[in-house]
PDB file of N, CA and C in Angstrom:
ATOM      1  N   MET A   1       6.188 -15.020  -3.200  1.00  0.00           N
ATOM      2  CA  MET A   1       5.059 -15.485  -3.311  1.00  0.00           C
ATOM      3  C   MET A   1       3.952 -15.213  -4.224  1.00  0.00           C
ATOM      4  N   HIS A   2       3.665 -16.086  -4.602  1.00  0.00           N
ATOM      5  CA  HIS A   2       2.537 -16.268  -5.303  1.00  0.00           C
ATOM      6  C   HIS A   2       0.431 -15.927  -4.881  1.00  0.00           C
ATOM      7  N   PHE A   3       0.007 -15.593  -5.388  1.00  0.00           N
ATOM      8  CA  PHE A   3      -1.028 -14.693  -5.148  1.00  0.00           C
ATOM      9  C   PHE A   3      -1.252 -15.318  -4.181  1.00  0.00           C
ATOM     10  N   THR A   4      -2.284 -16.281  -4.610  1.00  0.00           N
ATOM     11  CA  THR A   4      -2.990 -17.613  -3.953  1.00  0.00           C
ATOM     12  C   THR A   4      -2.620 -17.728  -2.498  1.00  0.00           C
ATOM     13  N   GLN A   5      -1.228 -17.736  -2.542  1.00  0.00           N
ATOM     14  CA  GLN A   5      -0.671 -17.998  -1.072  1.00  0.00           C
ATOM     15  C   GLN A   5      -1.249 -16.658  -0.145  1.00  0.00           C
ATOM     16  N   CYS A   6      -0.880 -15.212  -0.668  1.00  0.00           N
ATOM     17  CA  CYS A   6      -1.445 -14.914  -0.074  1.00  0.00           C
ATOM     18  C   CYS A   6      -3.186 -14.302   0.159  1.00  0.00           C
ATOM     19  N   PHE A   7      -3.964 -14.472  -0.391  1.00  0.00           N
ATOM     20  CA  PHE A   7      -4.948 -14.298  -0.347  1.00  0.00           C
ATOM     21  C   PHE A   7      -5.860 -15.242   0.327  1.00  0.00           C
ATOM     22  N   ARG A   8      -6.546 -14.297   1.388  1.00  0.00           N
ATOM     23  CA  ARG A   8      -7.289 -14.537   2.019  1.00  0.00           C
ATOM     24  C   ARG A   8      -8.267 -13.148   2.848  1.00  0.00           C
ATOM     25  N   PRO A   9      -9.427 -13.575   3.474  1.00  0.00           N
ATOM     26  CA  PRO A   9     -10.321 -12.700   3.600  1.00  0.00           C
ATOM     27  C   PRO A   9      -9.606 -11.636   4.521  1.00  0.00           C
ATOM     28  N   LEU A  10      -9.554 -10.093   3.382  1.00  0.00           N
ATOM     29  CA  LEU A  10      -9.372  -9.076   4.783  1.00  0.00           C
ATOM     30  C   LEU A  10      -9.930  -8.502   5.390  1.00  0.00           C
ATOM     31  N   MET A  11     -11.046  -7.967   4.609  1.00  0.00           N
ATOM     32  CA  MET A  11     -12.094  -6.829   4.850  1.00  0.00           C
ATOM     33  C   MET A  11     -13.700  -7.914   6.042  1.00  0.00           C
ATOM     34  N   VAL A  12     -13.411  -7.477   7.058  1.00  0.00           N
ATOM     35  CA  VAL A  12     -15.016  -7.848   8.056  1.00  0.00           C
ATOM     36  C   VAL A  12     -15.558  -6.594   8.145  1.00  0.00           C
ATOM     37  N   LEU A  13     -17.044  -7.060   8.509  1.00  0.00           N
ATOM     38  CA  LEU A  13     -17.480  -5.767   8.735  1.00  0.00           C
ATOM     39  C   LEU A  13     -17.615  -5.533  10.455  1.00  0.00           C
ATOM     40  N   SER A  14     -17.991  -4.662  11.653  1.00  0.00           N
ATOM     41  CA  SER A  14     -17.972  -4.803  12.438  1.00  0.00           C
ATOM     42  C   SER A  14     -19.260  -4.857  12.539  1.00  0.00           C
ATOM     43  N   SER A  15     -19.955  -4.125  14.277  1.00  0.00           N
ATOM     44  CA  SER A  15     -21.290  -4.629  14.117  1.00  0.00           C
ATOM     45  C   SER A  15     -21.887  -2.917  14.214  1.00  0.00           C
ATOM     46  N   ALA A  16     -20.722  -2.504  14.409  1.00  0.00           N
ATOM     47  CA  ALA A  16     -20.904  -0.690  13.703  1.00  0.00           C
ATOM     48  C   ALA A  16     -21.103  -0.579  12.261  1.00  0.00           C
ATOM     49  N   GLY A  17     -20.401  -1.658  11.801  1.00  0.00           N
ATOM     50  CA  GLY A  17     -21.231  -1.140   9.948  1.00  0.00           C
ATOM     51  C   GLY A  17     -19.670  -0.455   9.650  1.00  0.00           C
ATOM     52  N   SER A  18     -18.943  -0.054  10.470  1.00  0.00           N
ATOM     53  CA  SER A  18     -17.221   0.371   9.329  1.00  0.00           C
ATOM     54  C   SER A  18     -16.224  -0.725   9.259  1.00  0.00           C
ATOM     55  N   ASP A  19     -15.591  -0.562   8.243  1.00  0.00           N
ATOM     56  CA  ASP A  19     -14.743  -1.449   7.606  1.00  0.00           C
ATOM     57  C   ASP A  19     -14.121  -1.796   9.080  1.00  0.00           C
ATOM     58  N   ALA A  20     -13.282  -3.097   8.767  1.00  0.00           N
ATOM     59  CA  ALA A  20     -11.862  -3.403   9.764  1.00  0.00           C
ATOM     60  C   ALA A  20     -11.407  -3.814   8.994  1.00  0.00           C
ATOM     61  N   ARG A  21     -10.243  -3.656   9.070  1.00  0.00           N
ATOM     62  CA  ARG A  21      -8.320  -4.560   8.603  1.00  0.00           C
ATOM     63  C   ARG A  21      -8.033  -5.272   9.382  1.00  0.00           C
ATOM     64  N   GLN A  22      -7.434  -6.645   8.813  1.00  0.00           N
ATOM     65  CA  GLN A  22      -6.352  -7.283   9.606  1.00  0.00           C
ATOM     66  C   GLN A  22      -5.177  -6.678   9.100  1.00  0.00           C
ATOM     67  N   ASN A  23      -4.626  -6.495  10.101  1.00  0.00           N
ATOM     68  CA  ASN A  23      -2.780  -6.326  10.241  1.00  0.00           C
ATOM     69  C   ASN A  23      -1.974  -6.979  10.932  1.00  0.00           C
ATOM     70  N   GLY A  24      -1.309  -8.125  10.336  1.00  0.00           N
ATOM     71  CA  GLY A  24      -0.385  -8.054  11.390  1.00  0.00           C
ATOM     72  C   GLY A  24      -1.242  -8.886  12.618  1.00  0.00           C
ATOM     73  N   GLY A  25      -2.422  -9.901  12.559  1.00  0.00           N
ATOM     74  CA  GLY A  25      -3.383  -9.487  14.373  1.00  0.00           C
ATOM     75  C   GLY A  25      -3.778  -8.567  14.329  1.00  0.00           C
ATOM     76  N   ARG A  26      -2.874  -7.304  14.343  1.00  0.00           N
ATOM     77  CA  ARG A  26      -4.310  -6.390  14.966  1.00  0.00           C
ATOM     78  C   ARG A  26      -5.095  -6.257  13.822  1.00  0.00           C
ATOM     79  N   VAL A  27      -6.194  -4.592  14.274  1.00  0.00           N
ATOM     80  CA  VAL A  27      -7.412  -4.825  13.519  1.00  0.00           C
ATOM     81  C   VAL A  27      -7.300  -3.186  13.242  1.00  0.00           C
ATOM     82  N   ARG A  28      -7.497  -2.901  12.428  1.00  0.00           N
ATOM     83  CA  ARG A  28      -7.323  -1.422  11.896  1.00  0.00           C
ATOM     84  C   ARG A  28      -8.727  -0.994  11.727  1.00  0.00           C
ATOM     85  N   ARG A  29      -9.577   0.015  11.623  1.00  0.00           N
ATOM     86  CA  ARG A  29     -10.915   0.618  11.393  1.00  0.00           C
ATOM     87  C   ARG A  29     -10.458   2.341  10.515  1.00  0.00           C
ATOM     88  N   LYS A  30     -11.153   1.503   9.325  1.00  0.00           N
ATOM     89  CA  LYS A  30     -11.037   2.590   8.633  1.00  0.00           C
ATOM     90  C   LYS A  30     -12.566   3.478   8.551  1.00  0.00           C
ATOM     91  N   GLU A  31     -12.280   4.767   8.708  1.00  0.00           N
ATOM     92  CA  GLU A  31     -13.541   5.903   8.917  1.00  0.00           C
ATOM     93  C   GLU A  31     -14.489   5.529   7.537  1.00  0.00           C
ATOM     94  N   SER A  32     -15.672   5.479   7.588  1.00  0.00           N
ATOM     95  CA  SER A  32     -16.830   5.064   6.496  1.00  0.00           C
ATOM     96  C   SER A  32     -16.354   5.823   5.347  1.00  0.00           C
ATOM     97  N   GLY A  33     -16.331   5.231   4.082  1.00  0.00           N
ATOM     98  CA  GLY A  33     -16.311   5.965   3.125  1.00  0.00           C
ATOM     99  C   GLY A  33     -14.783   5.982   2.564  1.00  0.00           C
ATOM    100  N   THR A  34     -13.614   5.861   3.438  1.00  0.00           N
ATOM    101  CA  THR A  34     -12.632   5.891   3.141  1.00  0.00           C
ATOM    102  C   THR A  34     -11.413   4.699   2.904  1.00  0.00           C
ATOM    103  N   ASN A  35     -10.985   5.334   1.451  1.00  0.00           N
ATOM    104  CA  ASN A  35     -10.375   3.945   0.493  1.00  0.00           C
ATOM    105  C   ASN A  35      -8.808   3.904   0.338  1.00  0.00           C
ATOM    106  N   MET A  36      -8.162   4.568   1.196  1.00  0.00           N
ATOM    107  CA  MET A  36      -7.194   4.693   0.713  1.00  0.00           C
ATOM    108  C   MET A  36      -6.171   5.073   2.173  1.00  0.00           C
ATOM    109  N   ALA A  37      -4.803   4.646   1.869  1.00  0.00           N
ATOM    110  CA  ALA A  37      -3.449   4.910   2.724  1.00  0.00           C
ATOM    111  C   ALA A  37      -3.624   5.345   3.723  1.00  0.00           C
ATOM    112  N   THR A  38      -3.162   5.671   4.939  1.00  0.00           N
ATOM    113  CA  THR A  38      -3.110   6.424   5.934  1.00  0.00           C
ATOM    114  C   THR A  38      -1.977   7.333   6.165  1.00  0.00           C
ATOM    115  N   PRO A  39      -1.982   8.319   5.732  1.00  0.00           N
ATOM    116  CA  PRO A  39      -0.925   8.777   5.443  1.00  0.00           C
ATOM    117  C   PRO A  39       0.649   9.454   6.638  1.00  0.00           C
ATOM    118  N   SER A  40      -0.186   9.275   7.821  1.00  0.00           N
ATOM    119  CA  SER A  40       0.248   9.434   8.761  1.00  0.00           C
ATOM    120  C   SER A  40       0.789   7.959   9.309  1.00  0.00           C
ATOM    121  N   GLU A  41       0.798   7.667   8.774  1.00  0.00           N
ATOM    122  CA  GLU A  41       1.572   6.133   8.911  1.00  0.00           C
ATOM    123  C   GLU A  41       2.187   5.553   7.789  1.00  0.00           C
ATOM    124  N   ARG A  42       2.400   6.716   7.128  1.00  0.00           N
ATOM    125  CA  ARG A  42       3.552   6.534   6.132  1.00  0.00           C
ATOM    126  C   ARG A  42       5.166   5.537   6.570  1.00  0.00           C
ATOM    127  N   LEU A  43       6.031   5.257   6.204  1.00  0.00           N
ATOM    128  CA  LEU A  43       6.857   4.792   6.808  1.00  0.00           C
ATOM    129  C   LEU A  43       8.220   5.801   6.060  1.00  0.00           C
ATOM    130  N   SER A  44       8.822   5.719   7.351  1.00  0.00           N
ATOM    131  CA  SER A  44       9.694   6.856   6.246  1.00  0.00           C
ATOM    132  C   SER A  44      11.493   5.648   5.805  1.00  0.00           C
ATOM    133  N   GLU A  45      10.901   4.463   5.749  1.00  0.00           N
ATOM    134  CA  GLU A  45      12.380   3.838   4.874  1.00  0.00           C
ATOM    135  C   GLU A  45      11.415   3.879   3.101  1.00  0.00           C
ATOM    136  N   ASN A  46      10.793   4.412   3.145  1.00  0.00           N
ATOM    137  CA  ASN A  46      10.571   5.404   1.500  1.00  0.00           C
ATOM    138  C   ASN A  46      11.294   6.036   1.268  1.00  0.00           C
ATOM    139  N   VAL A  47      11.873   5.873  -0.135  1.00  0.00           N
ATOM    140  CA  VAL A  47      12.528   6.785  -0.831  1.00  0.00           C
ATOM    141  C   VAL A  47      11.579   8.460  -1.118  1.00  0.00           C
ATOM    142  N   PRO A  48      12.181   9.744  -0.789  1.00  0.00           N
ATOM    143  CA  PRO A  48      10.973  11.100  -1.034  1.00  0.00           C
ATOM    144  C   PRO A  48      10.366  10.472  -2.387  1.00  0.00           C
ATOM    145  N   GLY A  49       8.969  11.449  -2.112  1.00  0.00           N
ATOM    146  CA  GLY A  49       8.148  11.316  -3.398  1.00  0.00           C
ATOM    147  C   GLY A  49       6.730  11.051  -3.312  1.00  0.00           C
ATOM    148  N   PRO A  50       5.746  11.073  -4.335  1.00  0.00           N
ATOM    149  CA  PRO A  50       4.692  11.094  -4.060  1.00  0.00           C
ATOM    150  C   PRO A  50       3.949   9.999  -3.627  1.00  0.00           C
ATOM    151  N   PHE A  51       4.429   8.297  -4.256  1.00  0.00           N
ATOM    152  CA  PHE A  51       4.290   6.902  -3.722  1.00  0.00           C
ATOM    153  C   PHE A  51       5.034   7.139  -2.572  1.00  0.00           C
ATOM    154  N   TYR A  52       4.521   6.096  -1.078  1.00  0.00           N
ATOM    155  CA  TYR A  52       4.130   5.879  -0.353  1.00  0.00           C
ATOM    156  C   TYR A  52       4.011   4.607   0.287  1.00  0.00           C
ATOM    157  N   VAL A  53       4.446   3.497   1.206  1.00  0.00           N
ATOM    158  CA  VAL A  53       4.297   2.478   1.546  1.00  0.00           C
ATOM    159  C   VAL A  53       4.043   2.757   3.693  1.00  0.00           C
ATOM    160  N   THR A  54       2.842   2.295   3.693  1.00  0.00           N
ATOM    161  CA  THR A  54       2.722   2.362   4.970  1.00  0.00           C
ATOM    162  C   THR A  54       2.703   1.273   6.453  1.00  0.00           C
ATOM    163  N   SER A  55       2.682   2.076   7.135  1.00  0.00           N
ATOM    164  CA  SER A  55       2.395   0.592   7.879  1.00  0.00           C
ATOM    165  C   SER A  55       1.628  -0.624   8.461  1.00  0.00           C
ATOM    166  N   GLU A  56       0.502  -0.236   7.432  1.00  0.00           N
ATOM    167  CA  GLU A  56      -0.734  -0.694   6.901  1.00  0.00           C
ATOM    168  C   GLU A  56      -0.284  -2.550   6.364  1.00  0.00           C
ATOM    169  N   CYS A  57       1.058  -2.488   5.968  1.00  0.00           N
ATOM    170  CA  CYS A  57       1.609  -3.104   5.047  1.00  0.00           C
ATOM    171  C   CYS A  57       1.243  -4.807   5.569  1.00  0.00           C
ATOM    172  N   ILE A  58       1.003  -5.588   4.490  1.00  0.00           N
ATOM    173  CA  ILE A  58       0.740  -7.166   6.082  1.00  0.00           C
ATOM    174  C   ILE A  58       2.122  -7.838   4.996  1.00  0.00           C
ATOM    175  N   ASP A  59       2.730  -6.862   4.082  1.00  0.00           N
ATOM    176  CA  ASP A  59       3.974  -7.986   3.008  1.00  0.00           C
ATOM    177  C   ASP A  59       3.185  -8.863   2.281  1.00  0.00           C
ATOM    178  N   CYS A  60       2.468  -8.984   1.893  1.00  0.00           N
ATOM    179  CA  CYS A  60       1.840  -9.814   0.647  1.00  0.00           C
ATOM    180  C   CYS A  60       2.446 -10.157  -0.384  1.00  0.00           C
ATOM    181  N   ASP A  61       3.510  -8.915  -0.867  1.00  0.00           N
ATOM    182  CA  ASP A  61       4.523  -9.271  -2.472  1.00  0.00           C
ATOM    183  C   ASP A  61       3.275  -9.276  -3.461  1.00  0.00           C
ATOM    184  N   LEU A  62       2.380  -8.714  -3.205  1.00  0.00           N
ATOM    185  CA  LEU A  62       1.651  -8.323  -4.740  1.00  0.00           C
ATOM    186  C   LEU A  62       2.037  -6.859  -5.770  1.00  0.00           C
ATOM    187  N   CYS A  63       2.788  -5.677  -4.678  1.00  0.00           N
ATOM    188  CA  CYS A  63       2.985  -4.527  -5.632  1.00  0.00           C
ATOM    189  C   CYS A  63       4.109  -5.296  -5.429  1.00  0.00           C
ATOM    190  N   ARG A  64       5.184  -5.356  -5.357  1.00  0.00           N
ATOM    191  CA  ARG A  64       6.528  -5.783  -5.334  1.00  0.00           C
ATOM    192  C   ARG A  64       6.018  -6.996  -7.491  1.00  0.00           C
ATOM    193  N   GLU A  65       5.114  -7.903  -7.064  1.00  0.00           N
ATOM    194  CA  GLU A  65       5.139  -8.322  -8.754  1.00  0.00           C
ATOM    195  C   GLU A  65       4.588  -7.492  -9.623  1.00  0.00           C
ATOM    196  N   ALA A  66       3.646  -6.617  -9.346  1.00  0.00           N
ATOM    197  CA  ALA A  66       3.494  -5.770 -10.425  1.00  0.00           C
ATOM    198  C   ALA A  66       4.653  -4.898 -10.417  1.00  0.00           C
ATOM    199  N   ALA A  67       4.876  -4.123  -9.960  1.00  0.00           N
ATOM    200  CA  ALA A  67       6.669  -3.248 -10.231  1.00  0.00           C
ATOM    201  C   ALA A  67       7.101  -3.116  -9.103  1.00  0.00           C
ATOM    202  N   PRO A  68       8.705  -4.533  -9.297  1.00  0.00           N
ATOM    203  CA  PRO A  68       9.229  -4.531  -9.033  1.00  0.00           C
ATOM    204  C   PRO A  68      10.505  -3.444  -8.927  1.00  0.00           C
ATOM    205  N   GLU A  69      10.363  -2.878  -9.926  1.00  0.00           N
ATOM    206  CA  GLU A  69      11.661  -1.930 -10.147  1.00  0.00           C
ATOM    207  C   GLU A  69      10.890  -0.455  -8.741  1.00  0.00           C
ATOM    208  N   ILE A  70      10.041  -0.659  -8.726  1.00  0.00           N
ATOM    209  CA  ILE A  70       8.920   0.458  -7.546  1.00  0.00           C
ATOM    210  C   ILE A  70       9.486  -0.202  -6.181  1.00  0.00           C
ATOM    211  N   TYR A  71       9.006  -1.000  -6.142  1.00  0.00           N
ATOM    212  CA  TYR A  71       8.251  -1.157  -4.392  1.00  0.00           C
ATOM    213  C   TYR A  71       9.112  -3.137  -4.214  1.00  0.00           C
ATOM    214  N   ARG A  72       9.991  -2.561  -2.444  1.00  0.00           N
ATOM    215  CA  ARG A  72      10.958  -3.750  -2.772  1.00  0.00           C
ATOM    216  C   ARG A  72      10.866  -3.914  -1.109  1.00  0.00           C
ATOM    217  N   ARG A  73      11.023  -4.720  -1.085  1.00  0.00           N
ATOM    218  CA  ARG A  73      11.021  -5.892   0.419  1.00  0.00           C
ATOM    219  C   ARG A  73      11.928  -5.299   1.333  1.00  0.00           C
ATOM    220  N   ASN A  74      11.316  -4.362   2.494  1.00  0.00           N
ATOM    221  CA  ASN A  74      12.768  -3.732   3.458  1.00  0.00           C
ATOM    222  C   ASN A  74      12.708  -4.750   4.536  1.00  0.00           C
ATOM    223  N   ASP A  75      14.014  -5.932   4.801  1.00  0.00           N
ATOM    224  CA  ASP A  75      13.960  -6.925   5.498  1.00  0.00           C
ATOM    225  C   ASP A  75      14.320  -6.375   6.908  1.00  0.00           C
ATOM    226  N   ASP A  76      14.530  -5.526   7.233  1.00  0.00           N
ATOM    227  CA  ASP A  76      14.919  -4.742   8.244  1.00  0.00           C
ATOM    228  C   ASP A  76      13.740  -4.574   9.269  1.00  0.00           C
ATOM    229  N   ILE A  77      12.446  -3.865   8.231  1.00  0.00           N
ATOM    230  CA  ILE A  77      11.076  -4.227   9.198  1.00  0.00           C
ATOM    231  C   ILE A  77      10.234  -5.155   8.723  1.00  0.00           C
ATOM    232  N   GLY A  78      10.376  -5.315   7.300  1.00  0.00           N
ATOM    233  CA  GLY A  78       9.350  -6.719   7.250  1.00  0.00           C
ATOM    234  C   GLY A  78       8.216  -6.067   6.411  1.00  0.00           C
ATOM    235  N   TYR A  79       8.461  -5.105   5.734  1.00  0.00           N
ATOM    236  CA  TYR A  79       7.241  -4.391   5.012  1.00  0.00           C
ATOM    237  C   TYR A  79       8.031  -4.270   3.477  1.00  0.00           C
ATOM    238  N   SER A  80       6.655  -4.083   2.491  1.00  0.00           N
ATOM    239  CA  SER A  80       7.454  -3.200   1.973  1.00  0.00           C
ATOM    240  C   SER A  80       7.407  -1.581   1.608  1.00  0.00           C
ATOM    241  N   VAL A  81       8.868  -1.535   0.680  1.00  0.00           N
ATOM    242  CA  VAL A  81       8.387   0.519   0.368  1.00  0.00           C
ATOM    243  C   VAL A  81       8.843   0.359  -0.319  1.00  0.00           C
ATOM    244  N   VAL A  82       8.737   1.807  -1.523  1.00  0.00           N
ATOM    245  CA  VAL A  82       9.216   2.689  -2.277  1.00  0.00           C
ATOM    246  C   VAL A  82      10.251   2.792  -2.381  1.00  0.00           C
ATOM    247  N   HIS A  83      10.913   2.025  -3.323  1.00  0.00           N
ATOM    248  CA  HIS A  83      12.435   2.088  -3.413  1.00  0.00           C
ATOM    249  C   HIS A  83      13.033   3.281  -3.913  1.00  0.00           C
ATOM    250  N   HIS A  84      12.076   3.210  -5.431  1.00  0.00           N
ATOM    251  CA  HIS A  84      12.353   4.440  -6.357  1.00  0.00           C
ATOM    252  C   HIS A  84      11.421   4.558  -6.833  1.00  0.00           C
ATOM    253  N   GLN A  85      10.692   6.004  -7.049  1.00  0.00           N
ATOM    254  CA  GLN A  85       9.917   6.857  -7.378  1.00  0.00           C
ATOM    255  C   GLN A  85      10.134   6.900  -9.329  1.00  0.00           C
ATOM    256  N   PRO A  86       8.897   7.115  -9.466  1.00  0.00           N
ATOM    257  CA  PRO A  86       8.444   6.493 -10.764  1.00  0.00           C
ATOM    258  C   PRO A  86       9.501   8.040 -11.864  1.00  0.00           C
ATOM    259  N   ALA A  87       9.881   7.561 -12.762  1.00  0.00           N
ATOM    260  CA  ALA A  87      10.188   8.411 -13.356  1.00  0.00           C
ATOM    261  C   ALA A  87       9.835   8.981 -15.027  1.00  0.00           C
ATOM    262  N   ALA A  88       8.805   7.846 -14.918  1.00  0.00           N
ATOM    263  CA  ALA A  88       8.670   7.798 -16.410  1.00  0.00           C
ATOM    264  C   ALA A  88       6.733   7.287 -16.293  1.00  0.00           C
ATOM    265  N   PRO A  89       6.228   8.076 -17.487  1.00  0.00           N
ATOM    266  CA  PRO A  89       5.031   7.618 -17.232  1.00  0.00           C
ATOM    267  C   PRO A  89       4.933   5.433 -17.276  1.00  0.00           C
ATOM    268  N   GLU A  90       5.415   4.919 -17.871  1.00  0.00           N
ATOM    269  CA  GLU A  90       5.824   3.815 -17.948  1.00  0.00           C
ATOM    270  C   GLU A  90       5.543   3.329 -16.281  1.00  0.00           C
ATOM    271  N   GLU A  91       6.860   3.411 -16.256  1.00  0.00           N
ATOM    272  CA  GLU A  91       7.097   3.472 -14.551  1.00  0.00           C
ATOM    273  C   GLU A  91       5.696   4.095 -13.304  1.00  0.00           C
ATOM    274  N   GLU A  92       4.997   5.211 -14.095  1.00  0.00           N
ATOM    275  CA  GLU A  92       3.578   5.840 -12.604  1.00  0.00           C
ATOM    276  C   GLU A  92       2.552   4.338 -13.120  1.00  0.00           C
ATOM    277  N   ALA A  93       2.198   3.923 -14.090  1.00  0.00           N
ATOM    278  CA  ALA A  93       1.437   2.996 -14.382  1.00  0.00           C
ATOM    279  C   ALA A  93       1.731   1.519 -13.592  1.00  0.00           C
ATOM    280  N   ARG A  94       3.006   1.270 -13.801  1.00  0.00           N
ATOM    281  CA  ARG A  94       3.262   0.174 -12.942  1.00  0.00           C
ATOM    282  C   ARG A  94       3.101   0.338 -11.596  1.00  0.00           C
ATOM    283  N   ALA A  95       3.965   2.046 -10.976  1.00  0.00           N
ATOM    284  CA  ALA A  95       3.371   2.166  -9.421  1.00  0.00           C
ATOM    285  C   ALA A  95       2.116   2.664  -9.160  1.00  0.00           C
ATOM    286  N   VAL A  96       1.053   2.594  -9.957  1.00  0.00           N
ATOM    287  CA  VAL A  96      -0.143   2.899  -9.894  1.00  0.00           C
ATOM    288  C   VAL A  96      -1.461   1.204  -9.659  1.00  0.00           C
ATOM    289  N   ASP A  97      -0.677   0.487 -10.525  1.00  0.00           N
ATOM    290  CA  ASP A  97      -0.931  -1.081 -10.607  1.00  0.00           C
ATOM    291  C   ASP A  97      -0.544  -1.554  -9.316  1.00  0.00           C
ATOM    292  N   GLY A  98       0.830  -1.427  -8.649  1.00  0.00           N
ATOM    293  CA  GLY A  98       1.206  -1.892  -7.236  1.00  0.00           C
ATOM    294  C   GLY A  98       0.270  -1.687  -6.622  1.00  0.00           C
ATOM    295  N   MET A  99       0.213  -0.533  -6.329  1.00  0.00           N
ATOM    296  CA  MET A  99      -1.439   0.583  -5.638  1.00  0.00           C
ATOM    297  C   MET A  99      -2.354  -0.208  -5.233  1.00  0.00           C
ATOM    298  N   GLU A 100      -3.121  -0.241  -6.639  1.00  0.00           N
ATOM    299  CA  GLU A 100      -4.010  -1.156  -6.872  1.00  0.00           C
ATOM    300  C   GLU A 100      -4.296  -2.432  -6.270  1.00  0.00           C
ATOM    301  N   ALA A 101      -2.936  -2.943  -6.561  1.00  0.00           N
ATOM    302  CA  ALA A 101      -3.259  -4.747  -6.476  1.00  0.00           C
ATOM    303  C   ALA A 101      -3.455  -4.672  -4.585  1.00  0.00           C
ATOM    304  N   CYS A 102      -2.742  -3.633  -3.915  1.00  0.00           N
ATOM    305  CA  CYS A 102      -2.996  -3.587  -2.599  1.00  0.00           C
ATOM    306  C   CYS A 102      -3.679  -3.936  -1.765  1.00  0.00           C
ATOM    307  N   PRO A 103      -4.158  -5.312  -1.376  1.00  0.00           N
ATOM    308  CA  PRO A 103      -5.709  -5.750  -0.468  1.00  0.00           C
ATOM    309  C   PRO A 103      -5.538  -4.892   0.648  1.00  0.00           C
ATOM    310  N   VAL A 104      -4.793  -4.294   1.431  1.00  0.00           N
ATOM    311  CA  VAL A 104      -4.797  -3.929   2.384  1.00  0.00           C
ATOM    312  C   VAL A 104      -4.963  -1.619   2.185  1.00  0.00           C
ATOM    313  N   GLU A 105      -4.691  -1.525   0.671  1.00  0.00           N
ATOM    314  CA  GLU A 105      -4.355  -0.127   0.830  1.00  0.00           C
ATOM    315  C   GLU A 105      -3.496   0.655   1.201  1.00  0.00           C
ATOM    316  N   ALA A 106      -2.795  -0.226   1.369  1.00  0.00           N
ATOM    317  CA  ALA A 106      -1.240   0.618   2.315  1.00  0.00           C
ATOM    318  C   ALA A 106      -0.307   1.262   1.611  1.00  0.00           C
ATOM    319  N   ILE A 107      -0.647   1.543   0.118  1.00  0.00           N
ATOM    320  CA  ILE A 107       0.363   2.363  -0.582  1.00  0.00           C
ATOM    321  C   ILE A 107      -0.633   3.349  -1.482  1.00  0.00           C
ATOM    322  N   GLY A 108       0.058   4.631  -1.231  1.00  0.00           N
ATOM    323  CA  GLY A 108      -0.919   5.593  -1.026  1.00  0.00           C
ATOM    324  C   GLY A 108       0.343   7.034  -1.847  1.00  0.00           C
ATOM    325  N   ARG A 109      -0.683   7.582  -2.451  1.00  0.00           N
ATOM    326  CA  ARG A 109       0.221   8.703  -3.269  1.00  0.00           C
ATOM    327  C   ARG A 109      -0.257  10.244  -2.786  1.00  0.00           C
ATOM    328  N   GLU A 110       0.536  10.889  -3.106  1.00  0.00           N
ATOM    329  CA  GLU A 110       0.075  12.689  -2.613  1.00  0.00           C
ATOM    330  C   GLU A 110      -0.557  12.517  -3.902  1.00  0.00           C
ATOM    331  N   PRO A 111      -1.160  14.333  -3.775  1.00  0.00           N
ATOM    332  CA  PRO A 111      -2.442  14.353  -4.410  1.00  0.00           C
ATOM    333  C   PRO A 111      -1.825  15.609  -5.493  1.00  0.00           C
ATOM    334  N   ILE A 112      -1.420  15.241  -6.758  1.00  0.00           N
ATOM    335  CA  ILE A 112      -0.671  15.717  -7.697  1.00  0.00           C
ATOM    336  C   ILE A 112      -1.559  17.621  -7.900  1.00  0.00           C
ATOM    337  N   SER A 113      -0.336  18.289  -7.465  1.00  0.00           N
ATOM    338  CA  SER A 113      -1.141  19.842  -7.820  1.00  0.00           C
ATOM    339  C   SER A 113      -1.495  19.863  -9.616  1.00  0.00           C
ATOM    340  N   VAL A 114      -1.822  20.797  -9.713  1.00  0.00           N
ATOM    341  CA  VAL A 114      -1.681  21.632 -10.689  1.00  0.00           C
ATOM    342  C   VAL A 114      -1.767  23.023 -10.748  1.00  0.00           C
ATOM    343  N   ILE A 115      -0.947  23.713 -11.428  1.00  0.00           N
ATOM    344  CA  ILE A 115      -0.608  25.123 -11.656  1.00  0.00           C
ATOM    345  C   ILE A 115      -0.611  25.381 -13.105  1.00  0.00           C
ATOM    346  N   ASP A 116      -1.210  26.307 -12.666  1.00  0.00           N
ATOM    347  CA  ASP A 116      -2.149  27.365 -14.148  1.00  0.00           C
ATOM    348  C   ASP A 116      -0.917  27.896 -14.398  1.00  0.00           C
TER     349      ASP A 116
END
């Protein structure tokens, strides 16, 4: 699928002023000021690790185009999933590119903890 085939307005403003997202006919409302995947919606089909796709995915293919070695479509559920966690800085950069390309912010990354 090409970018122009899946591009359509995804954000609408409700009368209360909160963001609303369309997802397969459903509207998801995000709290004001949030702009990230909802961890509780993380799909169990993702491989373990910091990057993950949630059920908020609309299967637009943008993450798979950005990082096909990281993201793959799961035909059983109809969503993209993380099938390989980045193992090198170049892979991590592409995983981030895929995450940032997601028009509905359905891709998340667990916080990186720094130990002194």
